[in-house]
Amino acid sequence: MNIARKDRLNRLIGIAVLAVAATRLAWAVPNEEYTLVKDGKPTSVIVVPRMPPSHTAMWAAKELQDHFKKITGAEVPIRFDDEKLEDGLIKISVGDTALSRAAGLDMGKLTEQEYVLQFEPGLIVLMGRDVHPNPWPLEVQDVTYRSGKGCF
């Protein structure tokens, strides 16, 4: 096979692979809007696991809440997964919650440094497995982060 023909064949295969990947990606993206804050009021709630307690998930939830406030002025509430959650709010599950498990995700199946971002109707799941769990108590994390010291 000559080089020019081989190059055309490789390009054709590359285009076919890209077309299949784009089709699968378009199928995987939900056809739903996720309005998390509207007119300065939260239309969502951040949900974290109560058991087992997770410093990393709680820190991530506080970071998310802080950024929502900085960007929109709204304070999106943080609730534990065993609490009654208001109907009509989009749930943002952070960590290994009852919501993430109900969506078919299993933290135990993730390898170190593997993360999941999954969209379901009315639900966004953020979950990952850190190499080392965060060893600092939440109070220390909060003070350190707010004072601008440390690396997170």
C-alpha atoms as a PDB file:
ATOM      1  CA  MET A   1       0.000   0.000   0.000  1.00  0.00           C
ATOM      2  CA  ASN A   2       1.458   3.358  -0.954  1.00  0.00           C
ATOM      3  CA  ILE A   3       1.993   6.110   1.636  1.00  0.00           C
ATOM      4  CA  ALA A   4      -0.659   8.523   0.245  1.00  0.00           C
ATOM      5  CA  ARG A   5      -3.326   5.812   0.300  1.00  0.00           C
ATOM      6  CA  LYS A   6      -2.321   4.766   3.831  1.00  0.00           C
ATOM      7  CA  ASP A   7      -2.587   8.422   5.016  1.00  0.00           C
ATOM      8  CA  ARG A   8      -6.087   8.742   3.502  1.00  0.00           C
ATOM      9  CA  LEU A   9      -7.149   5.496   5.157  1.00  0.00           C
ATOM     10  CA  ASN A  10      -5.775   6.651   8.550  1.00  0.00           C
ATOM     11  CA  ARG A  11      -7.641   9.982   8.216  1.00  0.00           C
ATOM     12  CA  LEU A  12     -10.850   8.178   7.291  1.00  0.00           C
ATOM     13  CA  ILE A  13     -10.506   5.879  10.318  1.00  0.00           C
ATOM     14  CA  GLY A  14      -9.784   8.913  12.531  1.00  0.00           C
ATOM     15  CA  ILE A  15     -12.883  10.723  11.248  1.00  0.00           C
ATOM     16  CA  ALA A  16     -15.002   7.603  11.814  1.00  0.00           C
ATOM     17  CA  VAL A  17     -13.715   7.261  15.393  1.00  0.00           C
ATOM     18  CA  LEU A  18     -14.426  10.956  16.090  1.00  0.00           C
ATOM     19  CA  ALA A  19     -17.934  10.649  14.626  1.00  0.00           C
ATOM     20  CA  VAL A  20     -18.727   7.629  16.804  1.00  0.00           C
ATOM     21  CA  ALA A  21     -17.289   9.354  19.910  1.00  0.00           C
ATOM     22  CA  ALA A  22     -19.272  12.548  19.221  1.00  0.00           C
ATOM     23  CA  THR A  23     -22.473  10.539  18.758  1.00  0.00           C
ATOM     24  CA  ARG A  24     -21.935   8.671  22.027  1.00  0.00           C
ATOM     25  CA  LEU A  25     -21.090  11.915  23.858  1.00  0.00           C
ATOM     26  CA  ALA A  26     -24.197  13.663  22.514  1.00  0.00           C
ATOM     27  CA  TRP A  27     -26.271  10.703  23.683  1.00  0.00           C
ATOM     28  CA  ALA A  28     -24.698  10.814  27.163  1.00  0.00           C
ATOM     29  CA  VAL A  29     -25.316  14.542  27.756  1.00  0.00           C
ATOM     30  CA  PRO A  30     -28.705  15.042  29.421  1.00  0.00           C
ATOM     31  CA  ASN A  31     -31.344  17.066  27.648  1.00  0.00           C
ATOM     32  CA  GLU A  32     -32.278  18.917  30.822  1.00  0.00           C
ATOM     33  CA  GLU A  33     -31.536  22.346  32.227  1.00  0.00           C
ATOM     34  CA  TYR A  34     -29.957  22.641  35.648  1.00  0.00           C
ATOM     35  CA  THR A  35     -30.692  26.068  37.101  1.00  0.00           C
ATOM     36  CA  LEU A  36     -28.905  26.023  40.452  1.00  0.00           C
ATOM     37  CA  VAL A  37     -29.535  29.663  41.432  1.00  0.00           C
ATOM     38  CA  LYS A  38     -32.202  31.984  40.043  1.00  0.00           C
ATOM     39  CA  ASP A  39     -32.639  35.684  40.774  1.00  0.00           C
ATOM     40  CA  GLY A  40     -30.212  35.474  43.701  1.00  0.00           C
ATOM     41  CA  LYS A  41     -32.095  32.585  45.366  1.00  0.00           C
ATOM     42  CA  PRO A  42     -30.942  28.962  45.512  1.00  0.00           C
ATOM     43  CA  THR A  43     -32.914  26.457  43.441  1.00  0.00           C
ATOM     44  CA  SER A  44     -30.597  23.668  44.518  1.00  0.00           C
ATOM     45  CA  VAL A  45     -29.247  22.003  47.640  1.00  0.00           C
ATOM     46  CA  ILE A  46     -25.816  20.472  48.278  1.00  0.00           C
ATOM     47  CA  VAL A  47     -26.096  17.012  49.839  1.00  0.00           C
ATOM     48  CA  VAL A  48     -23.270  15.339  51.780  1.00  0.00           C
ATOM     49  CA  PRO A  49     -23.026  11.936  53.489  1.00  0.00           C
ATOM     50  CA  ARG A  50     -23.685  11.738  57.217  1.00  0.00           C
ATOM     51  CA  MET A  51     -22.218   8.237  57.568  1.00  0.00           C
ATOM     52  CA  PRO A  52     -19.447   7.587  57.104  1.00  0.00           C
ATOM     53  CA  PRO A  53     -18.430  11.155  57.831  1.00  0.00           C
ATOM     54  CA  SER A  54     -16.187  12.512  55.097  1.00  0.00           C
ATOM     55  CA  HIS A  55     -13.969  15.530  55.718  1.00  0.00           C
ATOM     56  CA  THR A  56     -13.129  15.712  52.022  1.00  0.00           C
ATOM     57  CA  ALA A  57     -16.778  15.703  50.907  1.00  0.00           C
ATOM     58  CA  MET A  58     -17.677  18.303  53.530  1.00  0.00           C
ATOM     59  CA  TRP A  59     -14.745  20.514  52.509  1.00  0.00           C
ATOM     60  CA  ALA A  60     -15.727  20.181  48.822  1.00  0.00           C
ATOM     61  CA  ALA A  61     -19.348  21.056  49.660  1.00  0.00           C
ATOM     62  CA  LYS A  62     -18.246  24.165  51.578  1.00  0.00           C
ATOM     63  CA  GLU A  63     -16.010  25.175  48.655  1.00  0.00           C
ATOM     64  CA  LEU A  64     -18.932  24.761  46.262  1.00  0.00           C
ATOM     65  CA  GLN A  65     -21.234  26.741  48.562  1.00  0.00           C
ATOM     66  CA  ASP A  66     -18.625  29.492  48.911  1.00  0.00           C
ATOM     67  CA  HIS A  67     -18.193  29.778  45.148  1.00  0.00           C
ATOM     68  CA  PHE A  68     -21.947  29.890  44.545  1.00  0.00           C
ATOM     69  CA  LYS A  69     -22.128  32.775  47.027  1.00  0.00           C
ATOM     70  CA  LYS A  70     -19.223  34.637  45.396  1.00  0.00           C
ATOM     71  CA  ILE A  71     -20.673  34.211  41.906  1.00  0.00           C
ATOM     72  CA  THR A  72     -24.415  34.647  42.525  1.00  0.00           C
ATOM     73  CA  GLY A  73     -24.826  36.077  46.022  1.00  0.00           C
ATOM     74  CA  ALA A  74     -27.004  33.088  46.956  1.00  0.00           C
ATOM     75  CA  GLU A  75     -26.114  30.713  49.767  1.00  0.00           C
ATOM     76  CA  VAL A  76     -26.965  27.238  48.534  1.00  0.00           C
ATOM     77  CA  PRO A  77     -27.726  25.166  51.656  1.00  0.00           C
ATOM     78  CA  ILE A  78     -25.753  22.081  52.657  1.00  0.00           C
ATOM     79  CA  ARG A  79     -27.792  19.162  54.001  1.00  0.00           C
ATOM     80  CA  PHE A  80     -26.995  15.622  55.123  1.00  0.00           C
ATOM     81  CA  ASP A  81     -28.305  12.781  52.993  1.00  0.00           C
ATOM     82  CA  ASP A  82     -30.489  11.416  55.781  1.00  0.00           C
ATOM     83  CA  GLU A  83     -32.433  14.707  56.118  1.00  0.00           C
ATOM     84  CA  LYS A  84     -35.731  15.463  54.388  1.00  0.00           C
ATOM     85  CA  LEU A  85     -34.904  17.460  51.262  1.00  0.00           C
ATOM     86  CA  GLU A  86     -37.275  20.013  49.774  1.00  0.00           C
ATOM     87  CA  ASP A  87     -39.098  18.924  46.642  1.00  0.00           C
ATOM     88  CA  GLY A  88     -38.384  20.890  43.493  1.00  0.00           C
ATOM     89  CA  LEU A  89     -34.745  21.666  44.340  1.00  0.00           C
ATOM     90  CA  ILE A  90     -31.934  20.235  42.247  1.00  0.00           C
ATOM     91  CA  LYS A  91     -29.803  18.016  44.442  1.00  0.00           C
ATOM     92  CA  ILE A  92     -26.023  18.288  44.149  1.00  0.00           C
ATOM     93  CA  SER A  93     -24.662  15.134  45.751  1.00  0.00           C
ATOM     94  CA  VAL A  94     -21.066  15.501  46.970  1.00  0.00           C
ATOM     95  CA  GLY A  95     -19.364  12.292  48.047  1.00  0.00           C
ATOM     96  CA  ASP A  96     -20.721   8.832  48.794  1.00  0.00           C
ATOM     97  CA  THR A  97     -24.335   9.767  49.617  1.00  0.00           C
ATOM     98  CA  ALA A  98     -27.581   7.815  49.587  1.00  0.00           C
ATOM     99  CA  LEU A  99     -28.396   9.790  46.411  1.00  0.00           C
ATOM    100  CA  SER A 100     -25.212   8.668  44.622  1.00  0.00           C
ATOM    101  CA  ARG A 101     -25.850   5.057  45.610  1.00  0.00           C
ATOM    102  CA  ALA A 102     -29.475   5.313  44.409  1.00  0.00           C
ATOM    103  CA  ALA A 103     -28.078   6.563  41.073  1.00  0.00           C
ATOM    104  CA  GLY A 104     -26.125   3.298  40.820  1.00  0.00           C
ATOM    105  CA  LEU A 105     -22.693   4.621  41.810  1.00  0.00           C
ATOM    106  CA  ASP A 106     -20.469   2.674  44.176  1.00  0.00           C
ATOM    107  CA  MET A 107     -17.562   4.494  45.840  1.00  0.00           C
ATOM    108  CA  GLY A 108     -15.932   1.125  46.495  1.00  0.00           C
ATOM    109  CA  LYS A 109     -15.515   0.538  42.756  1.00  0.00           C
ATOM    110  CA  LEU A 110     -13.517   3.734  42.204  1.00  0.00           C
ATOM    111  CA  THR A 111      -9.739   3.495  42.104  1.00  0.00           C
ATOM    112  CA  GLU A 112      -7.481   6.067  43.775  1.00  0.00           C
ATOM    113  CA  GLN A 113      -7.775   9.514  42.194  1.00  0.00           C
ATOM    114  CA  GLU A 114     -10.786   8.426  40.090  1.00  0.00           C
ATOM    115  CA  TYR A 115     -13.734  10.823  39.976  1.00  0.00           C
ATOM    116  CA  VAL A 116     -17.310  10.811  38.723  1.00  0.00           C
ATOM    117  CA  LEU A 117     -19.515  13.642  37.477  1.00  0.00           C
ATOM    118  CA  GLN A 118     -22.953  12.278  36.640  1.00  0.00           C
ATOM    119  CA  PHE A 119     -26.190  14.004  35.690  1.00  0.00           C
ATOM    120  CA  GLU A 120     -29.605  12.524  36.415  1.00  0.00           C
ATOM    121  CA  PRO A 121     -32.975  14.285  36.243  1.00  0.00           C
ATOM    122  CA  GLY A 122     -32.940  16.722  39.188  1.00  0.00           C
ATOM    123  CA  LEU A 123     -29.578  15.422  40.418  1.00  0.00           C
ATOM    124  CA  ILE A 124     -25.893  16.160  39.872  1.00  0.00           C
ATOM    125  CA  VAL A 125     -23.448  13.707  41.439  1.00  0.00           C
ATOM    126  CA  LEU A 126     -19.846  14.682  42.287  1.00  0.00           C
ATOM    127  CA  MET A 127     -17.869  11.804  43.756  1.00  0.00           C
ATOM    128  CA  GLY A 128     -14.237  10.765  43.893  1.00  0.00           C
ATOM    129  CA  ARG A 129     -11.679   8.709  45.735  1.00  0.00           C
ATOM    130  CA  ASP A 130      -8.674  10.560  47.100  1.00  0.00           C
ATOM    131  CA  VAL A 131      -5.309   8.882  47.560  1.00  0.00           C
ATOM    132  CA  HIS A 132      -5.172  10.096  51.153  1.00  0.00           C
ATOM    133  CA  PRO A 133      -8.213  11.207  53.093  1.00  0.00           C
ATOM    134  CA  ASN A 134      -7.880  14.750  54.414  1.00  0.00           C
ATOM    135  CA  PRO A 135      -6.330  14.387  57.894  1.00  0.00           C
ATOM    136  CA  TRP A 136      -7.312  17.823  59.218  1.00  0.00           C
ATOM    137  CA  PRO A 137     -10.476  18.528  61.180  1.00  0.00           C
ATOM    138  CA  LEU A 138     -12.994  20.714  59.351  1.00  0.00           C
ATOM    139  CA  GLU A 139     -12.373  23.625  61.728  1.00  0.00           C
ATOM    140  CA  VAL A 140      -8.652  23.655  60.838  1.00  0.00           C
ATOM    141  CA  GLN A 141      -9.429  23.322  57.113  1.00  0.00           C
ATOM    142  CA  ASP A 142     -11.874  26.223  57.272  1.00  0.00           C
ATOM    143  CA  VAL A 143      -9.509  28.561  59.170  1.00  0.00           C
ATOM    144  CA  THR A 144      -6.536  27.602  57.007  1.00  0.00           C
ATOM    145  CA  TYR A 145      -8.469  28.067  53.783  1.00  0.00           C
ATOM    146  CA  ARG A 146     -10.047  31.368  54.794  1.00  0.00           C
ATOM    147  CA  SER A 147      -6.710  32.773  55.966  1.00  0.00           C
ATOM    148  CA  GLY A 148      -5.105  31.910  52.622  1.00  0.00           C
ATOM    149  CA  LYS A 149      -2.554  29.545  54.168  1.00  0.00           C
ATOM    150  CA  GLY A 150      -1.921  26.015  53.057  1.00  0.00           C
ATOM    151  CA  CYS A 151      -2.499  24.278  49.751  1.00  0.00           C
ATOM    152  CA  PHE A 152      -5.872  22.862  48.824  1.00  0.00           C
END
